[in-house]
Amino acid sequence: MPRQQQPATPALDGMAKKDRKAYQRELNRIEREEHARRVKMRKRITIAATTAIVAVALAGVGVWVYGMIAESHVGPGDMLSDGIQFVSTGTSSTASSNSITETNTDGIVAWGTPVATTNNFATTGRLDAQVYLDYSDNDSATFWSTNSSKLGTWIVSAYMNLEVHPIATDTSNEYAVRAVAAFGCVADGDPENAWAVNSALLAATATAEKDDTTLSVDGLSSIVANAGVTNTDVLACVSNGTFVNWAKAASERAAQSTLYGDNAAIATVPTLTAAGLTFDGDIDDADALVTFLSEEAVNAAIAEAGLGSDNASPSASPSASLSTSQDASSSASPSASE
């Protein structure tokens, strides 16, 4: 900015040369100070404006970061209880045309808590059961290979609803946690294949035990794909470990307490509960499981519902003589005559 010439004043005409120089120096000093004041003020305004812009930008980044973190702690869809409930598409009277489907629910919100899946036994006559399994545990694999056909038959025939809770009993075991997360991906994006994937993950554990090989996180996508999942988003979810945080949280919750029965913590796997009772038979004893479900658990459900045995729905009491070799997808109508 060009310096403005100070207007000549009559007073200068009468001043001595020395005084005129001193006067001019004073004017120049005043001008420099005024200029410096204006520059300083502009800097303050610029800094304040920049600070405000940065604060707004940081706030936006903070919201974005929080959103990203929160998203990584959301639970998979259809697993609001930390488990997925498998049910029949029909009733006991339509067993020949029924298949296994899932109860649709939301996922757990970020840092939220699970919600129990409810069923009115007095109305539906269906027994509610829950099973806790670890995909890295050979006992879980043995239990499932022994009893899954039976359990599937009862579900298809509308005798029972089964809620599968995959957990990692050791959350420092990367494969165990990632396998739970992988199942969460399937429940969230391709629930129609959840039953098959659950079976495949447990079968992989049994195979690894038999062949004395090590289960690999890198192999999870292949297990899921070979079980029938073709959805690329689901397979990417498995590869990326999208639901790892939920898998750890769900496993830790199960180790502290459950939503059903006496809310006891899961100390060992497999653990199967029904009508508030816990199955304590051998994991490879199919007959013992039949007796537990058809007698102990059904009677407990009847009592809990306040029903007399004469008023209980017949669909809730499958016979202990039901063949244990029936396939879950077959026509099934458990009865004492089988």
Protein backbone atom coordinates (compact mmCIF):
# COMPACT_ATOMS: atom_id res chain seq x y z
CA MET A 1 0.00 0.00 0.00
CA PRO A 2 1.68 3.33 -1.10
CA ARG A 3 2.41 5.75 1.65
CA GLN A 4 0.10 8.72 1.67
CA GLN A 5 1.82 12.07 1.67
CA GLN A 6 1.07 14.14 4.71
CA PRO A 7 -0.55 17.43 3.76
CA ALA A 8 1.62 20.43 4.18
CA THR A 9 0.70 22.63 7.12
CA PRO A 10 1.43 26.29 7.67
CA ALA A 11 3.17 25.37 10.92
CA LEU A 12 5.98 23.70 9.04
CA ASP A 13 6.77 26.83 7.11
CA GLY A 14 7.84 28.66 10.21
CA MET A 15 9.78 25.75 11.72
CA ALA A 16 13.48 25.42 11.72
CA LYS A 17 14.85 22.66 9.52
CA LYS A 18 15.75 20.55 12.55
CA ASP A 19 12.24 20.87 13.98
CA ARG A 20 10.60 20.04 10.68
CA LYS A 21 12.60 16.77 10.51
CA ALA A 22 11.64 15.87 14.06
CA TYR A 23 8.00 16.60 13.29
CA GLN A 24 8.11 14.47 10.16
CA ARG A 25 9.76 11.59 12.05
CA GLU A 26 6.91 11.69 14.59
CA LEU A 27 4.31 11.59 11.83
CA ASN A 28 6.09 8.63 10.25
CA ARG A 29 6.18 6.83 13.63
CA ILE A 30 2.47 7.32 14.12
CA GLU A 31 1.79 6.03 10.62
CA ARG A 32 3.97 2.94 11.17
CA GLU A 33 2.21 2.14 14.43
CA GLU A 34 -1.18 2.53 12.81
CA HIS A 35 -0.15 0.27 9.94
CA ALA A 36 1.19 -2.33 12.37
CA ARG A 37 -2.06 -2.16 14.34
CA ARG A 38 -4.07 -2.80 11.19
CA VAL A 39 -1.82 -5.72 10.17
CA LYS A 40 -2.07 -7.24 13.65
CA MET A 41 -5.85 -6.92 13.60
CA ARG A 42 -6.03 -8.63 10.19
CA LYS A 43 -3.88 -11.50 11.53
CA ARG A 44 -6.16 -11.91 14.53
CA ILE A 45 -9.22 -12.03 12.30
CA THR A 46 -7.52 -14.56 10.00
CA ILE A 47 -6.43 -16.76 12.91
CA ALA A 48 -9.91 -16.66 14.44
CA ALA A 49 -11.54 -17.55 11.13
CA THR A 50 -9.03 -20.32 10.46
CA THR A 51 -9.50 -21.71 13.97
CA ALA A 52 -13.25 -21.78 13.48
CA ILE A 53 -12.90 -23.53 10.13
CA VAL A 54 -10.48 -26.08 11.59
CA ALA A 55 -12.77 -26.66 14.58
CA VAL A 56 -15.70 -27.31 12.28
CA ALA A 57 -13.58 -29.60 10.12
CA LEU A 58 -12.29 -31.50 13.17
CA ALA A 59 -15.82 -31.82 14.47
CA GLY A 60 -16.83 -33.29 11.14
CA VAL A 61 -13.89 -35.69 11.22
CA GLY A 62 -14.77 -36.61 14.80
CA VAL A 63 -18.33 -37.43 13.83
CA TRP A 64 -17.06 -39.48 10.89
CA VAL A 65 -14.55 -41.36 13.05
CA TYR A 66 -17.16 -42.01 15.71
CA GLY A 67 -19.53 -43.28 13.05
CA MET A 68 -16.88 -45.62 11.69
CA ILE A 69 -16.07 -46.98 15.16
CA ALA A 70 -19.74 -47.36 16.04
CA GLU A 71 -20.41 -49.20 12.77
CA SER A 72 -17.71 -51.73 13.64
CA HIS A 73 -19.53 -52.57 16.89
CA VAL A 74 -22.99 -53.19 15.41
CA GLY A 75 -24.23 -56.76 15.61
CA PRO A 76 -25.37 -58.80 12.59
CA GLY A 77 -28.99 -58.79 11.51
CA ASP A 78 -31.22 -61.65 12.69
CA MET A 79 -29.02 -61.98 15.79
CA LEU A 80 -30.55 -59.50 18.23
CA SER A 81 -30.21 -62.13 20.97
CA ASP A 82 -26.55 -62.85 20.04
CA GLY A 83 -27.96 -65.97 18.42
CA ILE A 84 -30.09 -66.83 15.41
CA GLN A 85 -33.34 -68.70 15.95
CA PHE A 86 -34.21 -71.42 13.46
CA VAL A 87 -37.90 -72.17 13.07
CA SER A 88 -40.23 -74.06 10.75
CA THR A 89 -41.86 -72.42 7.76
CA GLY A 90 -45.13 -74.17 8.66
CA THR A 91 -46.91 -76.06 11.39
CA SER A 92 -46.84 -79.66 12.52
CA SER A 93 -49.81 -80.37 10.27
CA THR A 94 -47.86 -79.24 7.19
CA ALA A 95 -44.60 -80.97 8.10
CA SER A 96 -44.18 -82.66 4.73
CA SER A 97 -43.83 -79.30 2.98
CA ASN A 98 -41.99 -77.39 5.71
CA SER A 99 -38.38 -76.25 5.73
CA ILE A 100 -36.06 -74.49 8.15
CA THR A 101 -36.05 -70.71 8.18
CA GLU A 102 -34.94 -68.05 10.64
CA THR A 103 -36.69 -65.55 12.88
CA ASN A 104 -36.02 -62.10 11.44
CA THR A 105 -34.69 -59.52 13.89
CA ASP A 106 -32.57 -56.40 13.84
CA GLY A 107 -28.94 -56.50 14.88
CA ILE A 108 -27.68 -55.21 18.21
CA VAL A 109 -26.92 -51.49 18.04
CA ALA A 110 -23.34 -50.36 18.67
CA TRP A 111 -22.38 -51.12 22.26
CA GLY A 112 -25.94 -52.31 22.87
CA THR A 113 -27.22 -55.33 24.73
CA PRO A 114 -28.92 -58.47 23.34
CA VAL A 115 -32.65 -59.08 23.60
CA ALA A 116 -34.10 -62.53 24.26
CA THR A 117 -36.22 -64.14 21.55
CA THR A 118 -39.66 -64.86 22.94
CA ASN A 119 -42.16 -67.55 22.10
CA ASN A 120 -45.61 -68.14 23.56
CA PHE A 121 -45.53 -71.87 24.25
CA ALA A 122 -49.14 -71.89 25.35
CA THR A 123 -50.13 -70.58 21.92
CA THR A 124 -47.63 -72.23 19.59
CA GLY A 125 -46.90 -75.46 21.43
CA ARG A 126 -43.31 -75.16 20.24
CA LEU A 127 -40.47 -75.81 22.64
CA ASP A 128 -37.79 -73.13 22.74
CA ALA A 129 -34.19 -74.37 22.93
CA GLN A 130 -30.82 -72.68 22.74
CA VAL A 131 -27.45 -74.21 21.95
CA TYR A 132 -24.05 -72.59 22.50
CA LEU A 133 -21.28 -73.81 20.20
CA ASP A 134 -17.63 -72.97 19.57
CA TYR A 135 -16.45 -73.46 15.98
CA SER A 136 -12.94 -74.29 17.18
CA ASP A 137 -14.11 -76.91 19.68
CA ASN A 138 -14.21 -80.60 18.78
CA ASP A 139 -16.86 -81.41 21.41
CA SER A 140 -19.17 -78.87 19.72
CA ALA A 141 -18.49 -80.57 16.41
CA THR A 142 -19.24 -84.00 17.89
CA PHE A 143 -22.48 -82.81 19.46
CA TRP A 144 -23.65 -81.30 16.19
CA SER A 145 -22.76 -84.28 14.01
CA THR A 146 -24.58 -86.56 16.45
CA ASN A 147 -27.71 -84.49 17.00
CA SER A 148 -28.18 -81.95 14.20
CA SER A 149 -30.33 -84.25 12.09
CA LYS A 150 -32.63 -84.87 15.04
CA LEU A 151 -32.78 -81.19 15.95
CA GLY A 152 -33.42 -80.22 12.34
CA THR A 153 -36.27 -82.71 12.10
CA TRP A 154 -37.94 -81.31 15.16
CA ILE A 155 -37.59 -77.77 13.83
CA VAL A 156 -39.01 -78.65 10.42
CA SER A 157 -41.92 -80.46 12.06
CA ALA A 158 -42.72 -77.36 14.16
CA TYR A 159 -42.07 -79.16 17.44
CA MET A 160 -39.24 -76.86 18.46
CA ASN A 161 -37.48 -73.56 17.79
CA LEU A 162 -33.70 -73.73 18.13
CA GLU A 163 -31.55 -70.67 18.71
CA VAL A 164 -27.90 -71.20 17.78
CA HIS A 165 -25.37 -69.09 19.67
CA PRO A 166 -21.86 -69.28 18.21
CA ILE A 167 -19.25 -68.15 20.74
CA ALA A 168 -15.49 -68.22 21.21
CA THR A 169 -14.78 -69.64 24.64
CA ASP A 170 -11.26 -68.26 24.27
CA THR A 171 -11.38 -64.79 22.71
CA SER A 172 -7.60 -64.84 22.26
CA ASN A 173 -8.10 -67.64 19.73
CA GLU A 174 -8.21 -65.71 16.46
CA TYR A 175 -9.80 -68.51 14.46
CA ALA A 176 -12.56 -69.04 17.03
CA VAL A 177 -13.45 -65.34 17.04
CA ARG A 178 -13.23 -64.95 13.25
CA ALA A 179 -15.39 -68.05 12.73
CA VAL A 180 -18.11 -66.53 14.93
CA ALA A 181 -17.77 -63.28 12.99
CA ALA A 182 -18.03 -65.22 9.71
CA PHE A 183 -21.27 -66.82 10.83
CA GLY A 184 -22.51 -63.34 11.74
CA CYS A 185 -21.82 -62.25 8.16
CA VAL A 186 -24.00 -65.07 6.85
CA ALA A 187 -26.80 -64.41 9.33
CA ASP A 188 -26.73 -60.73 8.35
CA GLY A 189 -26.50 -61.05 4.58
CA ASP A 190 -27.57 -64.56 3.60
CA PRO A 191 -29.59 -66.08 6.48
CA GLU A 192 -31.09 -68.73 4.22
CA ASN A 193 -27.69 -70.44 4.30
CA ALA A 194 -27.05 -69.93 8.02
CA TRP A 195 -28.04 -73.48 9.00
CA ALA A 196 -25.75 -74.98 6.35
CA VAL A 197 -22.85 -72.68 7.24
CA ASN A 198 -23.18 -73.50 10.94
CA SER A 199 -22.95 -77.20 10.08
CA ALA A 200 -20.04 -76.61 7.69
CA LEU A 201 -17.99 -74.69 10.26
CA LEU A 202 -18.43 -77.48 12.78
CA ALA A 203 -17.67 -80.14 10.17
CA ALA A 204 -14.43 -78.32 9.36
CA THR A 205 -13.48 -78.54 13.02
CA ALA A 206 -14.18 -82.27 13.08
CA THR A 207 -12.09 -82.76 9.94
CA ALA A 208 -9.19 -80.78 11.36
CA GLU A 209 -9.30 -82.88 14.52
CA LYS A 210 -9.38 -86.12 12.52
CA ASP A 211 -6.58 -85.09 10.15
CA ASP A 212 -4.54 -83.37 12.87
CA THR A 213 -4.45 -80.13 10.90
CA THR A 214 -4.79 -76.51 11.97
CA LEU A 215 -7.83 -74.42 11.23
CA SER A 216 -6.95 -71.25 9.33
CA VAL A 217 -8.66 -67.87 9.26
CA ASP A 218 -7.80 -67.71 5.57
CA GLY A 219 -9.88 -70.83 5.00
CA LEU A 220 -13.10 -69.41 6.42
CA SER A 221 -14.23 -67.89 3.13
CA SER A 222 -13.88 -71.27 1.41
CA ILE A 223 -15.87 -73.03 4.14
CA VAL A 224 -18.65 -70.48 3.83
CA ALA A 225 -18.64 -70.54 0.03
CA ASN A 226 -18.65 -74.34 -0.10
CA ALA A 227 -21.70 -74.31 2.17
CA GLY A 228 -23.65 -72.48 -0.52
CA VAL A 229 -22.95 -68.77 0.00
CA THR A 230 -22.31 -66.94 -3.27
CA ASN A 231 -23.14 -63.38 -2.19
CA THR A 232 -19.93 -61.39 -2.75
CA ASP A 233 -20.76 -58.89 -0.01
CA VAL A 234 -21.12 -61.71 2.51
CA LEU A 235 -17.85 -63.30 1.42
CA ALA A 236 -16.11 -59.91 1.67
CA CYS A 237 -17.59 -59.53 5.16
CA VAL A 238 -16.06 -62.89 6.09
CA SER A 239 -12.66 -61.97 4.65
CA ASN A 240 -12.63 -58.56 6.30
CA GLY A 241 -13.74 -59.78 9.72
CA THR A 242 -16.50 -57.18 9.75
CA PHE A 243 -18.22 -58.58 12.85
CA VAL A 244 -15.12 -59.35 14.91
CA ASN A 245 -15.96 -56.79 17.61
CA TRP A 246 -19.45 -58.19 17.96
CA ALA A 247 -18.09 -61.76 18.05
CA LYS A 248 -15.81 -60.90 20.96
CA ALA A 249 -18.54 -58.99 22.79
CA ALA A 250 -21.10 -61.78 22.33
CA SER A 251 -18.61 -64.38 23.56
CA GLU A 252 -17.75 -62.29 26.60
CA ARG A 253 -21.43 -61.77 27.37
CA ALA A 254 -22.10 -65.50 27.23
CA ALA A 255 -19.19 -66.12 29.60
CA GLN A 256 -20.88 -63.81 32.13
CA SER A 257 -24.57 -64.66 31.78
CA THR A 258 -27.24 -65.72 29.30
CA LEU A 259 -30.72 -64.48 28.50
CA TYR A 260 -32.53 -67.72 29.24
CA GLY A 261 -33.39 -70.00 32.14
CA ASP A 262 -31.49 -69.03 35.27
CA ASN A 263 -29.21 -66.72 33.23
CA ALA A 264 -26.23 -68.91 34.08
CA ALA A 265 -22.94 -68.20 32.35
CA ILE A 266 -21.73 -70.58 29.66
CA ALA A 267 -18.75 -72.34 31.21
CA THR A 268 -18.36 -75.14 28.66
CA VAL A 269 -19.46 -75.95 25.13
CA PRO A 270 -21.59 -77.39 23.79
CA THR A 271 -24.38 -76.25 26.10
CA LEU A 272 -28.02 -76.87 25.18
CA THR A 273 -30.86 -75.40 27.21
CA ALA A 274 -34.61 -75.73 26.81
CA ALA A 275 -37.46 -74.38 28.92
CA GLY A 276 -34.89 -73.17 31.45
CA LEU A 277 -33.24 -76.59 31.83
CA THR A 278 -29.74 -77.55 30.74
CA PHE A 279 -28.99 -80.83 29.01
CA ASP A 280 -26.38 -82.73 31.03
CA GLY A 281 -26.19 -85.94 29.03
CA ASP A 282 -23.29 -87.14 26.92
CA ILE A 283 -22.71 -85.04 23.82
CA ASP A 284 -22.76 -88.14 21.61
CA ASP A 285 -25.83 -89.74 23.20
CA ALA A 286 -28.72 -88.95 20.86
CA ASP A 287 -31.21 -90.95 22.90
CA ALA A 288 -30.39 -88.97 26.02
CA LEU A 289 -31.05 -85.74 24.16
CA VAL A 290 -34.38 -87.06 22.89
CA THR A 291 -35.44 -87.97 26.42
CA PHE A 292 -34.36 -84.58 27.74
CA LEU A 293 -36.27 -82.63 25.11
CA SER A 294 -39.39 -84.75 24.85
CA GLU A 295 -39.87 -85.31 28.57
CA GLU A 296 -37.96 -83.02 30.91
CA ALA A 297 -37.99 -79.86 28.81
CA VAL A 298 -41.55 -80.29 27.53
CA ASN A 299 -42.88 -80.89 31.05
CA ALA A 300 -41.02 -77.81 32.28
CA ALA A 301 -42.47 -75.74 29.44
CA ILE A 302 -45.97 -76.98 30.22
CA ALA A 303 -45.56 -76.12 33.88
CA GLU A 304 -44.09 -72.70 33.10
CA ALA A 305 -47.02 -71.93 30.80
CA GLY A 306 -49.47 -72.95 33.52
CA LEU A 307 -50.95 -75.70 31.39
CA GLY A 308 -52.14 -79.09 32.54
CA SER A 309 -50.65 -82.04 30.68
CA ASP A 310 -54.07 -82.68 29.11
CA ASN A 311 -54.13 -79.15 27.69
CA ALA A 312 -50.62 -79.11 26.26
CA SER A 313 -50.32 -78.92 22.52
CA PRO A 314 -49.40 -82.34 21.13
CA SER A 315 -46.89 -80.70 18.81
CA ALA A 316 -44.74 -79.91 21.82
CA SER A 317 -44.19 -83.48 22.88
CA PRO A 318 -42.38 -85.50 20.21
CA SER A 319 -41.90 -89.14 21.07
CA ALA A 320 -38.59 -90.36 22.40
CA SER A 321 -38.80 -93.16 19.86
CA LEU A 322 -38.38 -90.78 16.92
CA SER A 323 -35.71 -92.13 14.60
CA THR A 324 -32.42 -90.31 15.08
CA SER A 325 -31.38 -90.89 11.49
CA GLN A 326 -33.98 -88.70 9.83
CA ASP A 327 -32.63 -85.81 7.82
CA ALA A 328 -33.73 -82.28 8.72
CA SER A 329 -35.02 -81.62 5.25
CA SER A 330 -37.13 -84.74 5.05
CA SER A 331 -40.82 -85.07 5.69
CA ALA A 332 -41.14 -85.46 9.44
CA SER A 333 -43.96 -85.91 11.88
CA PRO A 334 -42.60 -87.41 15.11
CA SER A 335 -44.90 -89.96 16.66
CA ALA A 336 -44.71 -92.96 18.91
CA SER A 337 -45.43 -95.23 15.98
CA GLU A 338 -42.15 -94.41 14.19
